[in-house]
Amino acid sequence: MAELLEDFLRDRVTELRMRKNVSEYEMSLSLGRCKGYVQGISSGRTLPSMSGFFSICDYLEISPGDFFKSGTPRSEEEIRMCDYLVKLPQSDVTFLLNTAEFLVEKNRKK
């Protein structure tokens, strides 16, 4: 679960930074960090601290809640699925994750 969150954070910082049309270098310096700070986050080598995360949100002009919202509206089925997932034991969530990964890969090959 932590790995999924780290991947999401890395990808979301990159997505929002690109939407703002700034380089990793420029964003790092604007945040008052070393020039490779954002590149380290984007590559998955490092994670921001909580205060760093809030600074990133401020820089991107979004709330922390908006940071975790996907750009695509969720369907009724996705919302229901999420509601059920939080009620399952971890072993069942892992099983469903593996099944979803299998189905995505299967459909990708078509």
PDB file of N, CA and C in Angstrom:
ATOM      1  N   MET A   1       0.827  -1.188   0.000  1.00  0.00           N
ATOM      2  CA  MET A   1       0.000   0.000   0.000  1.00  0.00           C
ATOM      3  C   MET A   1       0.875   1.257   0.000  1.00  0.00           C
ATOM      4  N   ALA A   2       1.938   1.245   0.784  1.00  0.00           N
ATOM      5  CA  ALA A   2       2.827   2.409   0.839  1.00  0.00           C
ATOM      6  C   ALA A   2       3.466   2.657  -0.517  1.00  0.00           C
ATOM      7  N   GLU A   3       3.818   1.584  -1.223  1.00  0.00           N
ATOM      8  CA  GLU A   3       4.435   1.727  -2.542  1.00  0.00           C
ATOM      9  C   GLU A   3       3.467   2.384  -3.530  1.00  0.00           C
ATOM     10  N   LEU A   4       2.187   2.024  -3.454  1.00  0.00           N
ATOM     11  CA  LEU A   4       1.190   2.647  -4.331  1.00  0.00           C
ATOM     12  C   LEU A   4       1.072   4.136  -4.051  1.00  0.00           C
ATOM     13  N   LEU A   5       1.094   4.491  -2.785  1.00  0.00           N
ATOM     14  CA  LEU A   5       1.010   5.899  -2.412  1.00  0.00           C
ATOM     15  C   LEU A   5       2.244   6.658  -2.882  1.00  0.00           C
ATOM     16  N   GLU A   6       3.404   6.049  -2.753  1.00  0.00           N
ATOM     17  CA  GLU A   6       4.640   6.689  -3.220  1.00  0.00           C
ATOM     18  C   GLU A   6       4.603   6.891  -4.734  1.00  0.00           C
ATOM     19  N   ASP A   7       4.125   5.876  -5.461  1.00  0.00           N
ATOM     20  CA  ASP A   7       4.010   6.004  -6.919  1.00  0.00           C
ATOM     21  C   ASP A   7       3.031   7.111  -7.287  1.00  0.00           C
ATOM     22  N   PHE A   8       1.901   7.159  -6.580  1.00  0.00           N
ATOM     23  CA  PHE A   8       0.911   8.195  -6.851  1.00  0.00           C
ATOM     24  C   PHE A   8       1.506   9.575  -6.595  1.00  0.00           C
ATOM     25  N   LEU A   9       2.184   9.739  -5.472  1.00  0.00           N
ATOM     26  CA  LEU A   9       2.763  11.027  -5.109  1.00  0.00           C
ATOM     27  C   LEU A   9       3.766  11.479  -6.168  1.00  0.00           C
ATOM     28  N   ARG A  10       4.633  10.574  -6.564  1.00  0.00           N
ATOM     29  CA  ARG A  10       5.644  10.878  -7.587  1.00  0.00           C
ATOM     30  C   ARG A  10       4.974  11.308  -8.890  1.00  0.00           C
ATOM     31  N   ASP A  11       3.997  10.520  -9.350  1.00  0.00           N
ATOM     32  CA  ASP A  11       3.327  10.815 -10.610  1.00  0.00           C
ATOM     33  C   ASP A  11       2.494  12.097 -10.532  1.00  0.00           C
ATOM     34  N   ARG A  12       1.869  12.322  -9.382  1.00  0.00           N
ATOM     35  CA  ARG A  12       0.999  13.503  -9.238  1.00  0.00           C
ATOM     36  C   ARG A  12       1.828  14.779  -9.184  1.00  0.00           C
ATOM     37  N   VAL A  13       2.962  14.765  -8.503  1.00  0.00           N
ATOM     38  CA  VAL A  13       3.835  15.943  -8.487  1.00  0.00           C
ATOM     39  C   VAL A  13       4.272  16.263  -9.911  1.00  0.00           C
ATOM     40  N   THR A  14       4.661  15.245 -10.653  1.00  0.00           N
ATOM     41  CA  THR A  14       5.084  15.448 -12.040  1.00  0.00           C
ATOM     42  C   THR A  14       3.943  16.001 -12.883  1.00  0.00           C
ATOM     43  N   GLU A  15       2.763  15.405 -12.757  1.00  0.00           N
ATOM     44  CA  GLU A  15       1.598  15.854 -13.524  1.00  0.00           C
ATOM     45  C   GLU A  15       1.273  17.317 -13.236  1.00  0.00           C
ATOM     46  N   LEU A  16       1.203  17.680 -11.963  1.00  0.00           N
ATOM     47  CA  LEU A  16       0.824  19.048 -11.595  1.00  0.00           C
ATOM     48  C   LEU A  16       1.919  20.056 -11.943  1.00  0.00           C
ATOM     49  N   ARG A  17       3.166  19.630 -11.816  1.00  0.00           N
ATOM     50  CA  ARG A  17       4.277  20.514 -12.186  1.00  0.00           C
ATOM     51  C   ARG A  17       4.230  20.802 -13.685  1.00  0.00           C
ATOM     52  N   MET A  18       3.997  19.772 -14.480  1.00  0.00           N
ATOM     53  CA  MET A  18       3.934  19.956 -15.925  1.00  0.00           C
ATOM     54  C   MET A  18       2.724  20.797 -16.326  1.00  0.00           C
ATOM     55  N   ARG A  19       1.636  20.624 -15.615  1.00  0.00           N
ATOM     56  CA  ARG A  19       0.443  21.430 -15.882  1.00  0.00           C
ATOM     57  C   ARG A  19       0.734  22.911 -15.613  1.00  0.00           C
ATOM     58  N   LYS A  20       1.576  23.168 -14.626  1.00  0.00           N
ATOM     59  CA  LYS A  20       1.969  24.544 -14.290  1.00  0.00           C
ATOM     60  C   LYS A  20       3.065  25.043 -15.248  1.00  0.00           C
ATOM     61  N   ASN A  21       3.618  24.121 -16.031  1.00  0.00           N
ATOM     62  CA  ASN A  21       4.623  24.441 -17.039  1.00  0.00           C
ATOM     63  C   ASN A  21       5.912  24.994 -16.433  1.00  0.00           C
ATOM     64  N   VAL A  22       6.411  24.298 -15.401  1.00  0.00           N
ATOM     65  CA  VAL A  22       7.687  24.673 -14.794  1.00  0.00           C
ATOM     66  C   VAL A  22       8.593  23.447 -14.767  1.00  0.00           C
ATOM     67  N   SER A  23       9.879  23.679 -14.801  1.00  0.00           N
ATOM     68  CA  SER A  23      10.843  22.579 -14.750  1.00  0.00           C
ATOM     69  C   SER A  23      11.020  22.109 -13.311  1.00  0.00           C
ATOM     70  N   GLU A  24      11.591  20.921 -13.164  1.00  0.00           N
ATOM     71  CA  GLU A  24      11.908  20.403 -11.833  1.00  0.00           C
ATOM     72  C   GLU A  24      12.875  21.353 -11.137  1.00  0.00           C
ATOM     73  N   TYR A  25      13.856  21.821 -11.897  1.00  0.00           N
ATOM     74  CA  TYR A  25      14.869  22.739 -11.368  1.00  0.00           C
ATOM     75  C   TYR A  25      14.222  24.027 -10.854  1.00  0.00           C
ATOM     76  N   GLU A  26      13.369  24.632 -11.683  1.00  0.00           N
ATOM     77  CA  GLU A  26      12.708  25.890 -11.302  1.00  0.00           C
ATOM     78  C   GLU A  26      11.823  25.705 -10.067  1.00  0.00           C
ATOM     79  N   MET A  27      11.090  24.607 -10.029  1.00  0.00           N
ATOM     80  CA  MET A  27      10.213  24.358  -8.887  1.00  0.00           C
ATOM     81  C   MET A  27      11.030  24.145  -7.618  1.00  0.00           C
ATOM     82  N   SER A  28      12.122  23.403  -7.735  1.00  0.00           N
ATOM     83  CA  SER A  28      12.989  23.159  -6.568  1.00  0.00           C
ATOM     84  C   SER A  28      13.489  24.467  -5.980  1.00  0.00           C
ATOM     85  N   LEU A  29      14.000  25.340  -6.837  1.00  0.00           N
ATOM     86  CA  LEU A  29      14.528  26.619  -6.363  1.00  0.00           C
ATOM     87  C   LEU A  29      13.430  27.510  -5.789  1.00  0.00           C
ATOM     88  N   SER A  30      12.249  27.483  -6.423  1.00  0.00           N
ATOM     89  CA  SER A  30      11.126  28.278  -5.912  1.00  0.00           C
ATOM     90  C   SER A  30      10.681  27.806  -4.532  1.00  0.00           C
ATOM     91  N   LEU A  31      10.878  26.519  -4.266  1.00  0.00           N
ATOM     92  CA  LEU A  31      10.534  25.967  -2.953  1.00  0.00           C
ATOM     93  C   LEU A  31      11.640  26.204  -1.927  1.00  0.00           C
ATOM     94  N   GLY A  32      12.740  26.810  -2.381  1.00  0.00           N
ATOM     95  CA  GLY A  32      13.855  27.075  -1.481  1.00  0.00           C
ATOM     96  C   GLY A  32      14.682  25.838  -1.197  1.00  0.00           C
ATOM     97  N   ARG A  33      14.679  24.896  -2.109  1.00  0.00           N
ATOM     98  CA  ARG A  33      15.398  23.635  -1.932  1.00  0.00           C
ATOM     99  C   ARG A  33      16.564  23.550  -2.904  1.00  0.00           C
ATOM    100  N   CYS A  34      17.345  22.491  -2.779  1.00  0.00           N
ATOM    101  CA  CYS A  34      18.447  22.282  -3.719  1.00  0.00           C
ATOM    102  C   CYS A  34      17.863  21.985  -5.102  1.00  0.00           C
ATOM    103  N   LYS A  35      18.683  22.177  -6.126  1.00  0.00           N
ATOM    104  CA  LYS A  35      18.191  22.089  -7.501  1.00  0.00           C
ATOM    105  C   LYS A  35      17.635  20.719  -7.887  1.00  0.00           C
ATOM    106  N   GLY A  36      18.022  19.652  -7.191  1.00  0.00           N
ATOM    107  CA  GLY A  36      17.547  18.310  -7.519  1.00  0.00           C
ATOM    108  C   GLY A  36      16.406  17.813  -6.649  1.00  0.00           C
ATOM    109  N   TYR A  37      15.845  18.685  -5.808  1.00  0.00           N
ATOM    110  CA  TYR A  37      14.806  18.273  -4.860  1.00  0.00           C
ATOM    111  C   TYR A  37      13.596  17.640  -5.557  1.00  0.00           C
ATOM    112  N   VAL A  38      13.011  18.358  -6.501  1.00  0.00           N
ATOM    113  CA  VAL A  38      11.805  17.860  -7.172  1.00  0.00           C
ATOM    114  C   VAL A  38      12.153  16.660  -8.049  1.00  0.00           C
ATOM    115  N   GLN A  39      13.323  16.658  -8.654  1.00  0.00           N
ATOM    116  CA  GLN A  39      13.736  15.523  -9.471  1.00  0.00           C
ATOM    117  C   GLN A  39      13.836  14.267  -8.597  1.00  0.00           C
ATOM    118  N   GLY A  40      14.307  14.415  -7.376  1.00  0.00           N
ATOM    119  CA  GLY A  40      14.381  13.289  -6.444  1.00  0.00           C
ATOM    120  C   GLY A  40      13.012  12.733  -6.108  1.00  0.00           C
ATOM    121  N   ILE A  41      12.034  13.612  -5.960  1.00  0.00           N
ATOM    122  CA  ILE A  41      10.655  13.178  -5.686  1.00  0.00           C
ATOM    123  C   ILE A  41      10.089  12.498  -6.929  1.00  0.00           C
ATOM    124  N   SER A  42      10.271  13.126  -8.092  1.00  0.00           N
ATOM    125  CA  SER A  42       9.718  12.598  -9.342  1.00  0.00           C
ATOM    126  C   SER A  42      10.313  11.251  -9.725  1.00  0.00           C
ATOM    127  N   SER A  43      11.546  11.023  -9.349  1.00  0.00           N
ATOM    128  CA  SER A  43      12.198   9.754  -9.685  1.00  0.00           C
ATOM    129  C   SER A  43      11.919   8.674  -8.642  1.00  0.00           C
ATOM    130  N   GLY A  44      11.337   9.054  -7.519  1.00  0.00           N
ATOM    131  CA  GLY A  44      11.045   8.091  -6.465  1.00  0.00           C
ATOM    132  C   GLY A  44      12.192   7.853  -5.503  1.00  0.00           C
ATOM    133  N   ARG A  45      13.261   8.624  -5.623  1.00  0.00           N
ATOM    134  CA  ARG A  45      14.404   8.454  -4.711  1.00  0.00           C
ATOM    135  C   ARG A  45      14.116   8.992  -3.320  1.00  0.00           C
ATOM    136  N   THR A  46      13.225   9.970  -3.232  1.00  0.00           N
ATOM    137  CA  THR A  46      12.937  10.589  -1.945  1.00  0.00           C
ATOM    138  C   THR A  46      11.469  10.983  -1.871  1.00  0.00           C
ATOM    139  N   LEU A  47      10.999  11.188  -0.669  1.00  0.00           N
ATOM    140  CA  LEU A  47       9.642  11.686  -0.433  1.00  0.00           C
ATOM    141  C   LEU A  47       9.733  12.993   0.337  1.00  0.00           C
ATOM    142  N   PRO A  48       8.812  13.903   0.077  1.00  0.00           N
ATOM    143  CA  PRO A  48       8.845  15.146   0.851  1.00  0.00           C
ATOM    144  C   PRO A  48       8.360  14.901   2.279  1.00  0.00           C
ATOM    145  N   SER A  49       8.833  15.722   3.193  1.00  0.00           N
ATOM    146  CA  SER A  49       8.292  15.698   4.558  1.00  0.00           C
ATOM    147  C   SER A  49       6.879  16.271   4.487  1.00  0.00           C
ATOM    148  N   MET A  50       6.168  16.241   5.598  1.00  0.00           N
ATOM    149  CA  MET A  50       4.821  16.835   5.607  1.00  0.00           C
ATOM    150  C   MET A  50       4.889  18.327   5.304  1.00  0.00           C
ATOM    151  N   SER A  51       5.845  19.017   5.902  1.00  0.00           N
ATOM    152  CA  SER A  51       5.952  20.453   5.623  1.00  0.00           C
ATOM    153  C   SER A  51       6.358  20.668   4.168  1.00  0.00           C
ATOM    154  N   GLY A  52       7.189  19.779   3.628  1.00  0.00           N
ATOM    155  CA  GLY A  52       7.553  19.851   2.213  1.00  0.00           C
ATOM    156  C   GLY A  52       6.350  19.619   1.319  1.00  0.00           C
ATOM    157  N   PHE A  53       5.507  18.656   1.689  1.00  0.00           N
ATOM    158  CA  PHE A  53       4.281  18.383   0.931  1.00  0.00           C
ATOM    159  C   PHE A  53       3.371  19.609   0.917  1.00  0.00           C
ATOM    160  N   PHE A  54       3.205  20.251   2.086  1.00  0.00           N
ATOM    161  CA  PHE A  54       2.358  21.446   2.138  1.00  0.00           C
ATOM    162  C   PHE A  54       2.963  22.587   1.315  1.00  0.00           C
ATOM    163  N   SER A  55       4.279  22.699   1.315  1.00  0.00           N
ATOM    164  CA  SER A  55       4.939  23.723   0.492  1.00  0.00           C
ATOM    165  C   SER A  55       4.711  23.452  -0.992  1.00  0.00           C
ATOM    166  N   ILE A  56       4.772  22.185  -1.366  1.00  0.00           N
ATOM    167  CA  ILE A  56       4.509  21.814  -2.763  1.00  0.00           C
ATOM    168  C   ILE A  56       3.077  22.180  -3.140  1.00  0.00           C
ATOM    169  N   CYS A  57       2.127  21.872  -2.276  1.00  0.00           N
ATOM    170  CA  CYS A  57       0.729  22.223  -2.549  1.00  0.00           C
ATOM    171  C   CYS A  57       0.569  23.741  -2.684  1.00  0.00           C
ATOM    172  N   ASP A  58       1.184  24.494  -1.782  1.00  0.00           N
ATOM    173  CA  ASP A  58       1.122  25.955  -1.873  1.00  0.00           C
ATOM    174  C   ASP A  58       1.702  26.435  -3.197  1.00  0.00           C
ATOM    175  N   TYR A  59       2.843  25.894  -3.568  1.00  0.00           N
ATOM    176  CA  TYR A  59       3.497  26.294  -4.809  1.00  0.00           C
ATOM    177  C   TYR A  59       2.608  25.994  -6.019  1.00  0.00           C
ATOM    178  N   LEU A  60       1.959  24.826  -5.998  1.00  0.00           N
ATOM    179  CA  LEU A  60       1.099  24.419  -7.103  1.00  0.00           C
ATOM    180  C   LEU A  60      -0.278  25.064  -7.036  1.00  0.00           C
ATOM    181  N   GLU A  61      -0.524  25.818  -5.955  1.00  0.00           N
ATOM    182  CA  GLU A  61      -1.784  26.536  -5.739  1.00  0.00           C
ATOM    183  C   GLU A  61      -2.990  25.592  -5.696  1.00  0.00           C
ATOM    184  N   ILE A  62      -2.807  24.505  -4.927  1.00  0.00           N
ATOM    185  CA  ILE A  62      -3.894  23.552  -4.708  1.00  0.00           C
ATOM    186  C   ILE A  62      -3.930  23.193  -3.231  1.00  0.00           C
ATOM    187  N   SER A  63      -5.069  22.707  -2.784  1.00  0.00           N
ATOM    188  CA  SER A  63      -5.173  22.242  -1.403  1.00  0.00           C
ATOM    189  C   SER A  63      -4.615  20.825  -1.322  1.00  0.00           C
ATOM    190  N   PRO A  64      -4.212  20.386  -0.128  1.00  0.00           N
ATOM    191  CA  PRO A  64      -3.770  18.998   0.006  1.00  0.00           C
ATOM    192  C   PRO A  64      -4.851  18.003  -0.447  1.00  0.00           C
ATOM    193  N   GLY A  65      -6.109  18.323  -0.186  1.00  0.00           N
ATOM    194  CA  GLY A  65      -7.202  17.453  -0.645  1.00  0.00           C
ATOM    195  C   GLY A  65      -7.251  17.361  -2.159  1.00  0.00           C
ATOM    196  N   ASP A  66      -7.081  18.506  -2.830  1.00  0.00           N
ATOM    197  CA  ASP A  66      -7.097  18.506  -4.290  1.00  0.00           C
ATOM    198  C   ASP A  66      -5.904  17.743  -4.863  1.00  0.00           C
ATOM    199  N   PHE A  67      -4.791  17.737  -4.142  1.00  0.00           N
ATOM    200  CA  PHE A  67      -3.622  16.991  -4.606  1.00  0.00           C
ATOM    201  C   PHE A  67      -3.984  15.524  -4.819  1.00  0.00           C
ATOM    202  N   PHE A  68      -4.804  14.979  -3.925  1.00  0.00           N
ATOM    203  CA  PHE A  68      -5.137  13.564  -3.993  1.00  0.00           C
ATOM    204  C   PHE A  68      -6.345  13.253  -4.868  1.00  0.00           C
ATOM    205  N   LYS A  69      -6.941  14.285  -5.452  1.00  0.00           N
ATOM    206  CA  LYS A  69      -8.051  14.056  -6.376  1.00  0.00           C
ATOM    207  C   LYS A  69      -7.505  13.836  -7.771  1.00  0.00           C
ATOM    208  N   SER A  70      -7.995  12.808  -8.402  1.00  0.00           N
ATOM    209  CA  SER A  70      -7.600  12.535  -9.785  1.00  0.00           C
ATOM    210  C   SER A  70      -8.288  13.548 -10.689  1.00  0.00           C
ATOM    211  N   GLY A  71      -7.703  13.822 -11.822  1.00  0.00           N
ATOM    212  CA  GLY A  71      -8.293  14.753 -12.774  1.00  0.00           C
ATOM    213  C   GLY A  71      -9.534  14.210 -13.445  1.00  0.00           C
ATOM    214  N   THR A  72      -9.759  12.907 -13.353  1.00  0.00           N
ATOM    215  CA  THR A  72     -10.896  12.285 -14.011  1.00  0.00           C
ATOM    216  C   THR A  72     -11.995  12.015 -12.993  1.00  0.00           C
ATOM    217  N   PRO A  73     -13.214  12.462 -13.287  1.00  0.00           N
ATOM    218  CA  PRO A  73     -14.312  12.160 -12.357  1.00  0.00           C
ATOM    219  C   PRO A  73     -14.500  10.653 -12.231  1.00  0.00           C
ATOM    220  N   ARG A  74     -14.828  10.216 -11.043  1.00  0.00           N
ATOM    221  CA  ARG A  74     -15.025   8.785 -10.808  1.00  0.00           C
ATOM    222  C   ARG A  74     -16.448   8.389 -11.162  1.00  0.00           C
ATOM    223  N   SER A  75     -16.562   7.191 -11.698  1.00  0.00           N
ATOM    224  CA  SER A  75     -17.885   6.661 -12.020  1.00  0.00           C
ATOM    225  C   SER A  75     -18.533   6.130 -10.740  1.00  0.00           C
ATOM    226  N   GLU A  76     -19.803   5.886 -10.829  1.00  0.00           N
ATOM    227  CA  GLU A  76     -20.553   5.313  -9.702  1.00  0.00           C
ATOM    228  C   GLU A  76     -19.938   3.979  -9.267  1.00  0.00           C
ATOM    229  N   GLU A  77     -19.541   3.172 -10.246  1.00  0.00           N
ATOM    230  CA  GLU A  77     -18.956   1.867  -9.945  1.00  0.00           C
ATOM    231  C   GLU A  77     -17.625   2.004  -9.204  1.00  0.00           C
ATOM    232  N   GLU A  78     -16.790   2.982  -9.614  1.00  0.00           N
ATOM    233  CA  GLU A  78     -15.506   3.189  -8.943  1.00  0.00           C
ATOM    234  C   GLU A  78     -15.713   3.629  -7.500  1.00  0.00           C
ATOM    235  N   ILE A  79     -16.656   4.484  -7.272  1.00  0.00           N
ATOM    236  CA  ILE A  79     -16.957   4.956  -5.914  1.00  0.00           C
ATOM    237  C   ILE A  79     -17.437   3.791  -5.053  1.00  0.00           C
ATOM    238  N   ARG A  80     -18.333   2.970  -5.597  1.00  0.00           N
ATOM    239  CA  ARG A  80     -18.825   1.811  -4.853  1.00  0.00           C
ATOM    240  C   ARG A  80     -17.686   0.831  -4.556  1.00  0.00           C
ATOM    241  N   MET A  81     -16.805   0.618  -5.547  1.00  0.00           N
ATOM    242  CA  MET A  81     -15.684  -0.295  -5.358  1.00  0.00           C
ATOM    243  C   MET A  81     -14.784   0.192  -4.221  1.00  0.00           C
ATOM    244  N   CYS A  82     -14.495   1.482  -4.196  1.00  0.00           N
ATOM    245  CA  CYS A  82     -13.662   2.037  -3.122  1.00  0.00           C
ATOM    246  C   CYS A  82     -14.321   1.864  -1.759  1.00  0.00           C
ATOM    247  N   ASP A  83     -15.626   2.064  -1.709  1.00  0.00           N
ATOM    248  CA  ASP A  83     -16.354   1.879  -0.456  1.00  0.00           C
ATOM    249  C   ASP A  83     -16.221   0.444   0.054  1.00  0.00           C
ATOM    250  N   TYR A  84     -16.266  -0.516  -0.852  1.00  0.00           N
ATOM    251  CA  TYR A  84     -16.116  -1.915  -0.453  1.00  0.00           C
ATOM    252  C   TYR A  84     -14.680  -2.256  -0.084  1.00  0.00           C
ATOM    253  N   LEU A  85     -13.728  -1.707  -0.813  1.00  0.00           N
ATOM    254  CA  LEU A  85     -12.316  -2.031  -0.562  1.00  0.00           C
ATOM    255  C   LEU A  85     -11.880  -1.716   0.861  1.00  0.00           C
ATOM    256  N   VAL A  86     -12.331  -0.590   1.391  1.00  0.00           N
ATOM    257  CA  VAL A  86     -11.897  -0.206   2.735  1.00  0.00           C
ATOM    258  C   VAL A  86     -12.473  -1.121   3.812  1.00  0.00           C
ATOM    259  N   LYS A  87     -13.464  -1.939   3.449  1.00  0.00           N
ATOM    260  CA  LYS A  87     -14.085  -2.846   4.412  1.00  0.00           C
ATOM    261  C   LYS A  87     -13.461  -4.248   4.388  1.00  0.00           C
ATOM    262  N   LEU A  88     -12.556  -4.479   3.436  1.00  0.00           N
ATOM    263  CA  LEU A  88     -11.965  -5.814   3.273  1.00  0.00           C
ATOM    264  C   LEU A  88     -10.674  -5.970   4.059  1.00  0.00           C
ATOM    265  N   PRO A  89     -10.344  -7.217   4.448  1.00  0.00           N
ATOM    266  CA  PRO A  89      -9.035  -7.452   5.069  1.00  0.00           C
ATOM    267  C   PRO A  89      -7.927  -7.281   4.014  1.00  0.00           C
ATOM    268  N   GLN A  90      -6.718  -6.997   4.469  1.00  0.00           N
ATOM    269  CA  GLN A  90      -5.599  -6.715   3.565  1.00  0.00           C
ATOM    270  C   GLN A  90      -5.361  -7.854   2.576  1.00  0.00           C
ATOM    271  N   SER A  91      -5.520  -9.088   3.004  1.00  0.00           N
ATOM    272  CA  SER A  91      -5.279 -10.225   2.096  1.00  0.00           C
ATOM    273  C   SER A  91      -6.239 -10.198   0.908  1.00  0.00           C
ATOM    274  N   ASP A  92      -7.484  -9.801   1.134  1.00  0.00           N
ATOM    275  CA  ASP A  92      -8.456  -9.707   0.042  1.00  0.00           C
ATOM    276  C   ASP A  92      -8.147  -8.518  -0.873  1.00  0.00           C
ATOM    277  N   VAL A  93      -7.689  -7.414  -0.294  1.00  0.00           N
ATOM    278  CA  VAL A  93      -7.303  -6.257  -1.099  1.00  0.00           C
ATOM    279  C   VAL A  93      -6.131  -6.626  -2.003  1.00  0.00           C
ATOM    280  N   THR A  94      -5.160  -7.352  -1.471  1.00  0.00           N
ATOM    281  CA  THR A  94      -4.015  -7.803  -2.263  1.00  0.00           C
ATOM    282  C   THR A  94      -4.472  -8.714  -3.397  1.00  0.00           C
ATOM    283  N   PHE A  95      -5.392  -9.629  -3.108  1.00  0.00           N
ATOM    284  CA  PHE A  95      -5.931 -10.512  -4.139  1.00  0.00           C
ATOM    285  C   PHE A  95      -6.596  -9.693  -5.248  1.00  0.00           C
ATOM    286  N   LEU A  96      -7.412  -8.733  -4.880  1.00  0.00           N
ATOM    287  CA  LEU A  96      -8.098  -7.909  -5.883  1.00  0.00           C
ATOM    288  C   LEU A  96      -7.121  -7.057  -6.683  1.00  0.00           C
ATOM    289  N   LEU A  97      -6.086  -6.551  -6.023  1.00  0.00           N
ATOM    290  CA  LEU A  97      -5.066  -5.779  -6.723  1.00  0.00           C
ATOM    291  C   LEU A  97      -4.361  -6.647  -7.763  1.00  0.00           C
ATOM    292  N   ASN A  98      -3.980  -7.850  -7.382  1.00  0.00           N
ATOM    293  CA  ASN A  98      -3.326  -8.768  -8.323  1.00  0.00           C
ATOM    294  C   ASN A  98      -4.253  -9.110  -9.486  1.00  0.00           C
ATOM    295  N   THR A  99      -5.528  -9.306  -9.195  1.00  0.00           N
ATOM    296  CA  THR A  99      -6.500  -9.592 -10.247  1.00  0.00           C
ATOM    297  C   THR A  99      -6.636  -8.410 -11.197  1.00  0.00           C
ATOM    298  N   ALA A 100      -6.707  -7.200 -10.652  1.00  0.00           N
ATOM    299  CA  ALA A 100      -6.816  -5.996 -11.490  1.00  0.00           C
ATOM    300  C   ALA A 100      -5.582  -5.834 -12.366  1.00  0.00           C
ATOM    301  N   GLU A 101      -4.403  -6.064 -11.805  1.00  0.00           N
ATOM    302  CA  GLU A 101      -3.167  -5.967 -12.590  1.00  0.00           C
ATOM    303  C   GLU A 101      -3.172  -6.982 -13.724  1.00  0.00           C
ATOM    304  N   PHE A 102      -3.631  -8.204 -13.453  1.00  0.00           N
ATOM    305  CA  PHE A 102      -3.727  -9.232 -14.480  1.00  0.00           C
ATOM    306  C   PHE A 102      -4.671  -8.791 -15.595  1.00  0.00           C
ATOM    307  N   LEU A 103      -5.832  -8.265 -15.240  1.00  0.00           N
ATOM    308  CA  LEU A 103      -6.819  -7.849 -16.239  1.00  0.00           C
ATOM    309  C   LEU A 103      -6.321  -6.682 -17.086  1.00  0.00           C
ATOM    310  N   VAL A 104      -5.642  -5.733 -16.458  1.00  0.00           N
ATOM    311  CA  VAL A 104      -5.085  -4.600 -17.206  1.00  0.00           C
ATOM    312  C   VAL A 104      -4.057  -5.096 -18.206  1.00  0.00           C
ATOM    313  N   GLU A 105      -3.180  -5.982 -17.770  1.00  0.00           N
ATOM    314  CA  GLU A 105      -2.151  -6.521 -18.660  1.00  0.00           C
ATOM    315  C   GLU A 105      -2.780  -7.322 -19.802  1.00  0.00           C
ATOM    316  N   LYS A 106      -3.793  -8.106 -19.481  1.00  0.00           N
ATOM    317  CA  LYS A 106      -4.492  -8.905 -20.487  1.00  0.00           C
ATOM    318  C   LYS A 106      -5.124  -7.990 -21.539  1.00  0.00           C
ATOM    319  N   ASN A 107      -5.770  -6.928 -21.110  1.00  0.00           N
ATOM    320  CA  ASN A 107      -6.421  -6.002 -22.044  1.00  0.00           C
ATOM    321  C   ASN A 107      -5.415  -5.188 -22.829  1.00  0.00           C
ATOM    322  N   ARG A 108      -4.259  -4.950 -22.259  1.00  0.00           N
ATOM    323  CA  ARG A 108      -3.208  -4.194 -22.943  1.00  0.00           C
ATOM    324  C   ARG A 108      -2.681  -4.981 -24.138  1.00  0.00           C
ATOM    325  N   LYS A 109      -2.661  -6.301 -24.028  1.00  0.00           N
ATOM    326  CA  LYS A 109      -2.128  -7.159 -25.088  1.00  0.00           C
ATOM    327  C   LYS A 109      -3.085  -7.308 -26.253  1.00  0.00           C
ATOM    328  N   LYS A 110      -4.355  -6.951 -26.078  1.00  0.00           N
ATOM    329  CA  LYS A 110      -5.364  -7.102 -27.148  1.00  0.00           C
ATOM    330  C   LYS A 110      -5.146  -6.111 -28.252  1.00  0.00           C
TER     331      LYS A 110
END
